[in-house]
């Protein structure tokens, strides 16, 4: 495979009849054995380009390809079917192998090459334009790319409809008939008019048989004869059959609570915990409980929640309940270190949550869902208020007790608009008094000029200091397990920082590092007794010596997505089987009634990563070092110790 350097020369690019000249210069040659990562990128591009060249697909979004064919949806919108794909390079029995991972996806799009006036006319209510027409259209098309019909080189961003014949853009006011919509623009979620959101959200809910058939269809459409011929030129032959692997089903976890027969709660075949009459193992203490909801039956809901909180051992001094339709006087009670439960689907709920946290209170925002129960709400309250619902019995893993194993999980997300900041969430069980409890912190990292890794990798000095402080808090730790959500290229730097901090803190401590995620495109199906179904809950599927999947949850509507684990470092005393049992136990360790899928620290670090992002936006995106330092000291107590 040759990597080419493109030297581009151009003349008139403002005119579609202009000339674009390109010269190709050979720069480097690489082989699969020398650089398998570059091979995965190259193969990914080959698959996409051959499909696009055949006019079958268009790229939209990261790793997504959508069919050029479209189907009408609602209000002029279209939808397209497509696939999400990625290529992995793994070691199998000492040899590198390449895997194509695919999943089916269906998405709504704005109309393609349609005049903006024609799109606007579809929003009439009974033949007339109403206030709802303006609102729905402006929300749906906000930020959409539009093109000036008489000058196609002018691409503008739509802002809003000024009146029935004019539109405001980022480059002034235009008559609606002057503009048309640029094709292949994704749209979804809250942009869709409310009465159609349920239809749009169900696009990707398929039963197991339907999803498997859809994936196979996308594979056959993507990997056509031309693609296979092109791949063969590079010595690549793609197996057209899905990989078949055996799986092992582990035992159900034993759930430990405060009060029950033998201090254990029941777990049903779907992985759902029945607390029954149990107290939580570590009930939270609430100074002041405030329920904020837009539900008409808020008093009844509050009474049910309070009764169950008492039953679970959660203590609080008093409570207030507010039913609201707008932001109102609920804020007056937030100066008492309150815990606020917000249950709604309103757009300002995150603002309310931030307002609570600014007063040193705690807040939990839960969106209304049909499967929402008082049981699950109360468990979420206990976790969010600093309590812990249950622990997991690890007696079958004598080398992996919580009081001797420090588990640290890190989750990051880049601020894509500027790529100047990295949002970091961290979770660990460093408390020697409550070793089963995982705490969380948020941290915002600013890019260091000249250091390309500082927007992807967590600062090594910060990570080293944090690990050393955790190890000081519990002298009994004899093993550290480091979990990361993604990114092999920068995970290695972080892992080495953590490993060095461990080795300089305690000579005989063992270290393990791995990436764990549910973000991939891998689905698992089980063809059992002639039916296509899910791999059973608590299953483990081994792909290679370093890579395996585990299923810790059960899906009622769609094919389940397993957690993927890639182990980069493991001490010889820890067997692969025991590591799998430990991670499976962690996946049920902080679930609130329903299984969460990810291990407890990974799940918590993701939530705190989101908290860092919300805090950054809520504090006017501080860019100077002093303001960012102050914000980080509030988010992450470790910085105050430094």
Foldseek 3Di string as FASTA:
>chain_A
DFDWDKDKDWDDPQDPPTDIDIDIDTDDDDDCVGDVVVVQVVLLCLLVVVLVVVQQWDDDDDQKTWGPDWAADALQKIKTKTKRWGKDWDAFPNDIDIDIFIFIDMFIWHHAFAQQLVSLCSLADVNHQDPVSQVLVQLLQAQFWKAFPVRRSDIWGWHGAPDSFWTQTPVGIDGRRRITGHPDGTTADPSHPPVCNVVRVCRPFAAQVVRVVNRLVNLPSSCDPVSQVVVVVSVDHDDSDDDDFDKDFDDQWWWAADDDVVRTFDADQQRFTDCDQTAFNWFFEFAEEEEEEQDPPQVVLVVLLVVVSVSNPYYYDYYYYDHDDDDDDPLVPLLRQGEYEYEEDDPCVLVVQVSSVVNVHWYDYHYDDPPDDSLLVNLVSRVRRPTAGIATDPPVPVVDDLLAEKEKEKEWDAPPVVLFKIKIKMWIQLANVCSRDIDMFIAMFGDDPPDPCSSPAPDLVLLLLVLLVSCVNRVNHQEYEYEYADDPPRQVVNQVSNVVSVCVNDPRHYYWYKYKYLPDSHFDWDCDPNDIHEDRANMKTDDHPFKIWHHHGDDDGYGDGTMIMGTDDDDPVDDPVSVSVVQSSQQSGRRSRHGPRGGVRNVRRVVSSVVSVSLCVVVVNDDDPVVSLVSNVSRDVSSVVD
